[in-house]
Amino acid sequence: MSKLRLGPIVDDKPVKLSIELPGSLHRELLVYAEVHAKANGLAAPMAPEKIAVPMIERFIATDRGFATERRRR
């Protein structure tokens, strides 16, 4: 099985944010959630809104340009 960049997901107190996604991205999130569930031994895939959060966190954490700008502040 391939190694995913996204590991186990910690549940945290949410803040509501409403966004619109293209249908194609929503379908990709559903598929990613299925693969993630299998890779991490989950009984069922997480909902797209739950899996998107750690993906965004990971993206921000690994964005070197953002890290550089953040240090300047």
N, C-alpha and C. Protein backbone atom coordinates (compact mmCIF):
# COMPACT_ATOMS: atom_id res chain seq x y z
N MET A 1 0.84 -1.18 0.00
CA MET A 1 0.00 0.00 0.00
C MET A 1 0.89 1.24 0.00
N SER A 2 0.48 2.27 -0.70
CA SER A 2 1.27 3.50 -0.77
C SER A 2 1.18 4.27 0.54
N LYS A 3 2.23 5.01 0.83
CA LYS A 3 2.27 5.81 2.06
C LYS A 3 1.65 7.17 1.76
N LEU A 4 0.64 7.53 2.54
CA LEU A 4 -0.02 8.82 2.38
C LEU A 4 0.70 9.88 3.19
N ARG A 5 0.61 11.10 2.77
CA ARG A 5 1.20 12.21 3.53
C ARG A 5 0.38 12.49 4.78
N LEU A 6 -0.87 12.14 4.78
CA LEU A 6 -1.76 12.43 5.89
C LEU A 6 -1.85 11.22 6.80
N GLY A 7 -1.46 11.38 8.05
CA GLY A 7 -1.50 10.29 9.03
C GLY A 7 -2.79 10.34 9.83
N PRO A 8 -2.77 9.75 11.03
CA PRO A 8 -3.95 9.79 11.89
C PRO A 8 -4.39 11.22 12.17
N ILE A 9 -5.69 11.41 12.36
CA ILE A 9 -6.25 12.75 12.54
C ILE A 9 -6.74 12.92 13.96
N VAL A 10 -6.29 13.99 14.61
CA VAL A 10 -6.69 14.31 15.97
C VAL A 10 -7.97 15.12 15.93
N ASP A 11 -8.93 14.75 16.77
CA ASP A 11 -10.18 15.50 16.83
C ASP A 11 -9.98 16.73 17.71
N ASP A 12 -10.42 17.88 17.26
CA ASP A 12 -10.25 19.13 17.98
C ASP A 12 -11.57 19.89 17.94
N LYS A 13 -11.75 20.85 18.86
CA LYS A 13 -12.97 21.64 18.86
C LYS A 13 -13.05 22.46 17.57
N PRO A 14 -14.10 22.28 16.80
CA PRO A 14 -14.19 22.94 15.49
C PRO A 14 -14.67 24.39 15.55
N VAL A 15 -14.31 25.12 14.52
CA VAL A 15 -14.84 26.45 14.25
C VAL A 15 -15.52 26.33 12.90
N LYS A 16 -16.75 26.76 12.81
CA LYS A 16 -17.52 26.59 11.58
C LYS A 16 -17.01 27.52 10.48
N LEU A 17 -16.78 26.93 9.31
CA LEU A 17 -16.35 27.66 8.13
C LEU A 17 -17.10 27.08 6.94
N SER A 18 -17.81 27.91 6.21
CA SER A 18 -18.57 27.44 5.05
C SER A 18 -17.83 27.83 3.77
N ILE A 19 -17.59 26.82 2.91
CA ILE A 19 -16.95 27.08 1.62
C ILE A 19 -17.67 26.28 0.54
N GLU A 20 -17.48 26.69 -0.68
CA GLU A 20 -18.00 25.94 -1.82
C GLU A 20 -16.83 25.31 -2.53
N LEU A 21 -16.98 24.02 -2.86
CA LEU A 21 -15.94 23.29 -3.57
C LEU A 21 -16.46 22.86 -4.93
N PRO A 22 -15.59 22.79 -5.92
CA PRO A 22 -16.01 22.20 -7.19
C PRO A 22 -16.39 20.72 -6.94
N GLY A 23 -17.33 20.24 -7.70
CA GLY A 23 -17.76 18.85 -7.56
C GLY A 23 -16.61 17.87 -7.72
N SER A 24 -15.70 18.16 -8.63
CA SER A 24 -14.57 17.26 -8.85
C SER A 24 -13.68 17.16 -7.61
N LEU A 25 -13.46 18.28 -6.93
CA LEU A 25 -12.65 18.26 -5.72
C LEU A 25 -13.36 17.49 -4.61
N HIS A 26 -14.66 17.66 -4.49
CA HIS A 26 -15.43 16.91 -3.49
C HIS A 26 -15.31 15.41 -3.73
N ARG A 27 -15.41 14.99 -4.99
CA ARG A 27 -15.27 13.57 -5.30
C ARG A 27 -13.87 13.07 -4.96
N GLU A 28 -12.85 13.87 -5.23
CA GLU A 28 -11.48 13.49 -4.88
C GLU A 28 -11.31 13.36 -3.37
N LEU A 29 -11.93 14.26 -2.60
CA LEU A 29 -11.87 14.16 -1.14
C LEU A 29 -12.53 12.87 -0.65
N LEU A 30 -13.62 12.48 -1.27
CA LEU A 30 -14.30 11.24 -0.89
C LEU A 30 -13.41 10.03 -1.14
N VAL A 31 -12.76 10.01 -2.29
CA VAL A 31 -11.86 8.90 -2.62
C VAL A 31 -10.65 8.91 -1.68
N TYR A 32 -10.09 10.10 -1.43
CA TYR A 32 -8.94 10.19 -0.53
C TYR A 32 -9.34 9.68 0.85
N ALA A 33 -10.52 10.04 1.32
CA ALA A 33 -10.99 9.59 2.63
C ALA A 33 -11.08 8.07 2.70
N GLU A 34 -11.50 7.44 1.61
CA GLU A 34 -11.57 5.98 1.56
C GLU A 34 -10.17 5.37 1.66
N VAL A 35 -9.24 5.90 0.89
CA VAL A 35 -7.86 5.40 0.90
C VAL A 35 -7.24 5.64 2.28
N HIS A 36 -7.48 6.80 2.85
CA HIS A 36 -6.95 7.14 4.17
C HIS A 36 -7.50 6.19 5.23
N ALA A 37 -8.79 5.87 5.16
CA ALA A 37 -9.39 4.96 6.13
C ALA A 37 -8.73 3.59 6.06
N LYS A 38 -8.52 3.09 4.86
CA LYS A 38 -7.86 1.78 4.70
C LYS A 38 -6.43 1.82 5.22
N ALA A 39 -5.70 2.88 4.91
CA ALA A 39 -4.30 2.99 5.30
C ALA A 39 -4.12 3.11 6.81
N ASN A 40 -5.14 3.64 7.49
CA ASN A 40 -5.05 3.87 8.93
C ASN A 40 -5.94 2.94 9.74
N GLY A 41 -6.51 1.94 9.10
CA GLY A 41 -7.31 0.94 9.81
C GLY A 41 -8.61 1.47 10.39
N LEU A 42 -9.18 2.48 9.77
CA LEU A 42 -10.46 3.02 10.25
C LEU A 42 -11.61 2.18 9.72
N ALA A 43 -12.66 2.08 10.50
CA ALA A 43 -13.83 1.29 10.10
C ALA A 43 -14.57 1.93 8.93
N ALA A 44 -14.56 3.27 8.88
CA ALA A 44 -15.27 3.99 7.82
C ALA A 44 -14.48 5.25 7.47
N PRO A 45 -14.62 5.71 6.23
CA PRO A 45 -13.94 6.94 5.83
C PRO A 45 -14.46 8.14 6.60
N MET A 46 -13.61 9.12 6.80
CA MET A 46 -14.03 10.37 7.43
C MET A 46 -14.79 11.20 6.41
N ALA A 47 -15.63 12.09 6.91
CA ALA A 47 -16.38 13.00 6.04
C ALA A 47 -15.41 13.98 5.39
N PRO A 48 -15.70 14.44 4.18
CA PRO A 48 -14.81 15.36 3.48
C PRO A 48 -14.44 16.60 4.30
N GLU A 49 -15.40 17.14 5.04
CA GLU A 49 -15.10 18.33 5.83
C GLU A 49 -14.14 18.04 6.99
N LYS A 50 -14.09 16.80 7.43
CA LYS A 50 -13.15 16.41 8.49
C LYS A 50 -11.76 16.12 7.93
N ILE A 51 -11.70 15.53 6.77
CA ILE A 51 -10.39 15.18 6.20
C ILE A 51 -9.72 16.39 5.54
N ALA A 52 -10.50 17.37 5.11
CA ALA A 52 -9.93 18.56 4.48
C ALA A 52 -9.10 19.38 5.46
N VAL A 53 -9.52 19.42 6.71
CA VAL A 53 -8.81 20.24 7.71
C VAL A 53 -7.36 19.80 7.90
N PRO A 54 -7.08 18.53 8.19
CA PRO A 54 -5.68 18.15 8.34
C PRO A 54 -4.89 18.27 7.03
N MET A 55 -5.57 18.16 5.90
CA MET A 55 -4.88 18.35 4.62
C MET A 55 -4.42 19.80 4.49
N ILE A 56 -5.28 20.74 4.86
CA ILE A 56 -4.93 22.15 4.80
C ILE A 56 -3.83 22.45 5.81
N GLU A 57 -3.93 21.88 7.02
CA GLU A 57 -2.89 22.07 8.03
C GLU A 57 -1.54 21.58 7.52
N ARG A 58 -1.54 20.41 6.90
CA ARG A 58 -0.30 19.84 6.37
C ARG A 58 0.27 20.72 5.27
N PHE A 59 -0.61 21.21 4.41
CA PHE A 59 -0.17 22.09 3.33
C PHE A 59 0.50 23.34 3.89
N ILE A 60 -0.14 23.97 4.86
CA ILE A 60 0.41 25.19 5.46
C ILE A 60 1.73 24.90 6.18
N ALA A 61 1.79 23.77 6.88
CA ALA A 61 3.00 23.42 7.63
C ALA A 61 4.20 23.16 6.72
N THR A 62 3.96 22.75 5.50
CA THR A 62 5.05 22.41 4.60
C THR A 62 5.30 23.44 3.50
N ASP A 63 4.57 24.55 3.53
CA ASP A 63 4.73 25.61 2.53
C ASP A 63 5.88 26.52 2.94
N ARG A 64 7.01 26.38 2.29
CA ARG A 64 8.21 27.15 2.66
C ARG A 64 8.03 28.65 2.45
N GLY A 65 7.35 29.02 1.40
CA GLY A 65 7.11 30.44 1.14
C GLY A 65 6.29 31.06 2.26
N PHE A 66 5.27 30.34 2.71
CA PHE A 66 4.45 30.84 3.82
C PHE A 66 5.28 30.92 5.10
N ALA A 67 6.09 29.90 5.36
CA ALA A 67 6.93 29.89 6.57
C ALA A 67 7.87 31.09 6.59
N THR A 68 8.44 31.41 5.43
CA THR A 68 9.34 32.55 5.33
C THR A 68 8.61 33.84 5.66
N GLU A 69 7.45 34.04 5.04
CA GLU A 69 6.66 35.25 5.28
C GLU A 69 6.17 35.32 6.72
N ARG A 70 5.81 34.20 7.29
CA ARG A 70 5.31 34.17 8.66
C ARG A 70 6.42 34.59 9.63
N ARG A 71 7.64 34.15 9.39
CA ARG A 71 8.77 34.53 10.25
C ARG A 71 9.05 36.03 10.17
N ARG A 72 8.75 36.63 9.05
CA ARG A 72 8.98 38.08 8.87
C ARG A 72 8.01 38.92 9.68
N ARG A 73 6.89 38.37 10.05
CA ARG A 73 5.87 39.13 10.79
C ARG A 73 6.22 39.32 12.22
